[in-house]
Amino acid sequence: MFTGIVAAVGNITSVTPLAGGLDAGVRLAIDAGPLPLGDVGLGDSIAINGACMTVVEKTGQSFTVDVSRESLNKTVGLETTGEVNLEKALTLAERLGGHLVSGHVDGLGTVHSFEPVGESRELIVDAPHELGKFLAYKGSVVVNGVSLTVNRVEDIEANGQKVCRFSINLIPHTIEVTTLKHLRAGSRVNLEIDLIARYVERMLSAAR
């Protein structure tokens, strides 16, 4: 489990295809930057841009993960070198500063706009229509591993398809300490819905 509070911005330094042809995944080498790795062992979980991955090697301030083809097909930002948001798995001794996050990407969103509003910036994302029922005003959502609060949500039609468009306000601190600063209109982002909303929907649907 995670909190969606990004601990550090790291860097994917290399992407190596795994043996097995087109259906195989990749091995990522990641420079953890300022993220402390002293308490991280082989088999531990680290969220990379919101996707939970397992450490298979560790050397100094770098670690390695294997990403399956299925994970690559369901996420963005793990197929090339560049900056990534990092968070180590939650322990019971830590503050829950964001919300309970599983590290399982539920879908990909598309940035509609990312514009200044006063000292902050408004991020507007189009989510897949099927995720819309899990998004609510003042509810939680994870974007590229960052726990955020939904300020506005509406179900609309865009480019000939139904989408759920939601708005988030990003304060300067969040922009400074995460990779969200690099987002532009058209950028694809990893989305994880609120864990509680997921179970509520399941309970209601099972009761019908």
Protein backbone atom coordinates (compact mmCIF):
# COMPACT_ATOMS: atom_id res chain seq x y z
CA MET A 1 0.00 0.00 0.00
CA PHE A 2 0.99 3.61 -0.62
CA THR A 3 -0.26 7.10 0.25
CA GLY A 4 0.14 8.97 -3.03
CA ILE A 5 2.59 11.38 -1.38
CA VAL A 6 5.59 11.37 -3.73
CA ALA A 7 8.80 10.93 -1.74
CA ALA A 8 11.25 11.78 -4.52
CA VAL A 9 11.64 12.28 -8.24
CA GLY A 10 13.93 9.62 -9.67
CA ASN A 11 15.14 8.89 -13.16
CA ILE A 12 14.79 5.84 -15.39
CA THR A 13 18.34 5.55 -16.70
CA SER A 14 17.95 2.50 -18.94
CA VAL A 15 15.23 0.33 -20.49
CA THR A 16 16.31 -3.20 -21.46
CA PRO A 17 13.95 -5.63 -23.24
CA LEU A 18 13.53 -8.94 -21.43
CA ALA A 19 14.01 -12.23 -23.25
CA GLY A 20 10.84 -13.53 -24.88
CA GLY A 21 10.19 -11.44 -27.96
CA LEU A 22 7.38 -8.92 -28.48
CA ASP A 23 5.32 -10.32 -25.60
CA ALA A 24 8.11 -9.80 -23.09
CA GLY A 25 8.43 -6.81 -20.83
CA VAL A 26 11.40 -4.64 -19.94
CA ARG A 27 13.91 -4.22 -17.14
CA LEU A 28 14.20 -0.67 -15.82
CA ALA A 29 17.27 0.70 -14.05
CA ILE A 30 16.26 3.64 -11.88
CA ASP A 31 18.36 6.28 -10.15
CA ALA A 32 16.39 6.89 -6.95
CA GLY A 33 17.75 10.41 -6.53
CA PRO A 34 17.11 11.64 -2.95
CA LEU A 35 14.90 8.65 -2.06
CA PRO A 36 16.59 6.74 0.83
CA LEU A 37 17.10 3.10 -0.10
CA GLY A 38 18.76 1.89 3.10
CA ASP A 39 15.60 0.10 4.25
CA VAL A 40 14.71 -1.27 0.80
CA GLY A 41 15.44 -4.94 0.11
CA LEU A 42 14.96 -7.29 -2.80
CA GLY A 43 11.28 -8.05 -3.25
CA ASP A 44 10.12 -4.76 -1.73
CA SER A 45 7.57 -2.60 -3.52
CA ILE A 46 8.14 0.89 -4.89
CA ALA A 47 5.50 2.88 -6.78
CA ILE A 48 6.85 4.33 -10.03
CA ASN A 49 4.53 6.94 -11.53
CA GLY A 50 1.77 5.30 -9.52
CA ALA A 51 2.46 1.71 -10.62
CA CYS A 52 3.58 -0.74 -7.93
CA MET A 53 6.79 -2.52 -8.96
CA THR A 54 9.05 -5.07 -7.24
CA VAL A 55 12.74 -4.39 -6.62
CA VAL A 56 14.83 -7.17 -8.21
CA GLU A 57 18.27 -5.56 -7.84
CA LYS A 58 19.71 -2.72 -5.77
CA THR A 59 23.09 -0.98 -5.93
CA GLY A 60 23.77 2.15 -3.91
CA GLN A 61 21.17 4.72 -4.89
CA SER A 62 19.89 2.74 -7.87
CA PHE A 63 17.44 -0.13 -8.15
CA THR A 64 16.05 -2.34 -10.88
CA VAL A 65 12.53 -3.58 -11.62
CA ASP A 66 11.03 -5.88 -14.23
CA VAL A 67 7.89 -4.57 -15.93
CA SER A 68 5.62 -7.06 -17.69
CA ARG A 69 4.16 -6.43 -21.12
CA GLU A 70 0.70 -6.28 -19.49
CA SER A 71 1.87 -3.47 -17.21
CA LEU A 72 3.44 -1.60 -20.11
CA ASN A 73 0.17 -1.87 -22.05
CA LYS A 74 -1.82 -0.46 -19.12
CA THR A 75 0.47 2.41 -18.09
CA VAL A 76 2.47 5.33 -19.43
CA GLY A 77 5.91 6.60 -18.47
CA LEU A 78 7.55 3.22 -17.93
CA GLU A 79 8.68 2.51 -21.46
CA THR A 80 11.38 5.16 -21.84
CA THR A 81 14.09 6.97 -19.89
CA GLY A 82 13.22 10.10 -17.96
CA GLU A 83 11.94 11.44 -14.65
CA VAL A 84 9.45 9.44 -12.57
CA ASN A 85 7.60 9.92 -9.28
CA LEU A 86 8.75 7.48 -6.57
CA GLU A 87 7.19 6.32 -3.32
CA LYS A 88 8.21 3.42 -1.09
CA ALA A 89 5.52 1.13 0.32
CA LEU A 90 3.68 2.41 3.37
CA THR A 91 4.53 1.15 6.87
CA LEU A 92 2.10 1.19 9.79
CA ALA A 93 4.36 3.65 11.62
CA GLU A 94 3.94 6.41 9.00
CA ARG A 95 1.43 9.24 8.67
CA LEU A 96 -1.23 8.72 6.01
CA GLY A 97 -0.75 12.11 4.36
CA GLY A 98 -2.63 11.35 1.15
CA HIS A 99 -5.09 8.46 0.92
CA LEU A 100 -4.87 4.67 0.71
CA VAL A 101 -3.35 3.81 -2.66
CA SER A 102 -2.80 0.30 -4.04
CA GLY A 103 -0.38 1.14 -6.85
CA HIS A 104 -2.62 -0.56 -9.44
CA VAL A 105 -3.32 1.69 -12.43
CA ASP A 106 -7.03 1.57 -13.34
CA GLY A 107 -6.82 3.46 -16.61
CA LEU A 108 -5.11 6.11 -18.68
CA GLY A 109 -6.30 9.70 -18.79
CA THR A 110 -5.51 12.49 -21.21
CA VAL A 111 -4.64 16.02 -20.07
CA HIS A 112 -7.21 18.42 -21.51
CA SER A 113 -5.47 21.53 -20.16
CA PHE A 114 -2.92 22.61 -17.56
CA GLU A 115 -3.12 26.36 -16.98
CA PRO A 116 -2.12 28.89 -14.28
CA VAL A 117 -4.89 30.00 -11.91
CA GLY A 118 -3.53 32.58 -9.49
CA GLU A 119 -0.46 31.13 -7.76
CA SER A 120 -1.59 27.57 -8.55
CA ARG A 121 -2.34 25.61 -11.71
CA GLU A 122 -5.54 23.90 -12.78
CA LEU A 123 -5.10 20.41 -14.20
CA ILE A 124 -8.06 19.14 -16.24
CA VAL A 125 -8.01 15.48 -17.24
CA ASP A 126 -10.29 13.38 -19.43
CA ALA A 127 -10.67 9.94 -17.85
CA PRO A 128 -12.19 6.86 -19.49
CA HIS A 129 -15.99 6.93 -19.22
CA GLU A 130 -16.04 3.69 -17.19
CA LEU A 131 -14.00 5.33 -14.40
CA GLY A 132 -16.41 8.25 -14.11
CA LYS A 133 -18.61 6.59 -11.49
CA PHE A 134 -15.62 6.43 -9.14
CA LEU A 135 -14.78 10.15 -9.40
CA ALA A 136 -16.61 12.62 -7.15
CA TYR A 137 -16.40 16.24 -6.03
CA LYS A 138 -13.83 16.46 -3.20
CA GLY A 139 -13.02 12.79 -3.68
CA SER A 140 -9.52 11.39 -4.15
CA VAL A 141 -7.74 10.31 -7.32
CA VAL A 142 -4.14 9.37 -8.09
CA VAL A 143 -2.46 10.94 -11.14
CA ASN A 144 0.99 9.52 -11.98
CA GLY A 145 1.37 8.40 -8.38
CA VAL A 146 0.26 11.69 -6.79
CA SER A 147 -2.74 11.77 -4.42
CA LEU A 148 -4.98 14.66 -5.47
CA THR A 149 -8.44 16.06 -4.69
CA VAL A 150 -11.11 16.39 -7.38
CA ASN A 151 -12.54 19.94 -7.53
CA ARG A 152 -14.99 19.46 -10.38
CA VAL A 153 -16.26 16.48 -12.34
CA GLU A 154 -18.62 16.08 -15.30
CA ASP A 155 -19.53 13.40 -17.80
CA ILE A 156 -19.25 14.77 -21.33
CA GLU A 157 -18.65 13.80 -24.93
CA ALA A 158 -15.26 14.77 -26.39
CA ASN A 159 -13.90 13.86 -29.80
CA GLY A 160 -16.85 11.60 -30.45
CA GLN A 161 -16.59 9.53 -27.26
CA LYS A 162 -17.90 9.69 -23.71
CA VAL A 163 -15.36 10.73 -21.09
CA CYS A 164 -15.32 11.86 -17.49
CA ARG A 165 -13.63 15.27 -17.30
CA PHE A 166 -12.32 16.25 -13.87
CA SER A 167 -10.43 19.24 -12.54
CA ILE A 168 -7.67 19.42 -9.92
CA ASN A 169 -5.92 22.38 -8.32
CA LEU A 170 -2.15 21.95 -7.96
CA ILE A 171 -0.36 24.12 -5.44
CA PRO A 172 3.20 25.29 -6.23
CA HIS A 173 4.75 22.76 -3.81
CA THR A 174 3.15 19.78 -5.56
CA ILE A 175 4.29 21.06 -8.93
CA GLU A 176 7.82 21.60 -7.66
CA VAL A 177 8.37 18.18 -6.06
CA THR A 178 6.70 15.91 -8.67
CA THR A 179 6.91 15.28 -12.40
CA LEU A 180 3.45 16.78 -12.92
CA LYS A 181 5.24 20.00 -13.87
CA HIS A 182 6.02 18.41 -17.25
CA LEU A 183 2.39 17.77 -18.21
CA ARG A 184 0.92 19.45 -21.27
CA ALA A 185 -2.40 19.27 -23.11
CA GLY A 186 -2.47 15.83 -24.74
CA SER A 187 -0.16 14.18 -22.17
CA ARG A 188 -1.23 10.71 -21.08
CA VAL A 189 -1.35 9.99 -17.34
CA ASN A 190 -1.76 6.96 -15.08
CA LEU A 191 -4.97 7.04 -13.03
CA GLU A 192 -5.95 5.10 -9.92
CA ILE A 193 -9.43 5.50 -8.48
CA ASP A 194 -10.15 5.73 -4.76
CA LEU A 195 -9.92 2.35 -3.04
CA ILE A 196 -13.05 2.91 -0.95
CA ALA A 197 -15.08 3.92 -4.02
CA ARG A 198 -14.01 0.70 -5.71
CA TYR A 199 -15.38 -1.46 -2.89
CA VAL A 200 -18.57 0.57 -2.50
CA GLU A 201 -19.34 0.11 -6.19
CA ARG A 202 -18.72 -3.63 -5.93
CA MET A 203 -20.98 -3.99 -2.89
CA LEU A 204 -23.78 -2.05 -4.54
CA SER A 205 -23.54 -3.98 -7.81
CA ALA A 206 -23.45 -7.35 -6.01
CA ALA A 207 -26.60 -6.44 -4.07
CA ARG A 208 -28.67 -5.82 -7.20
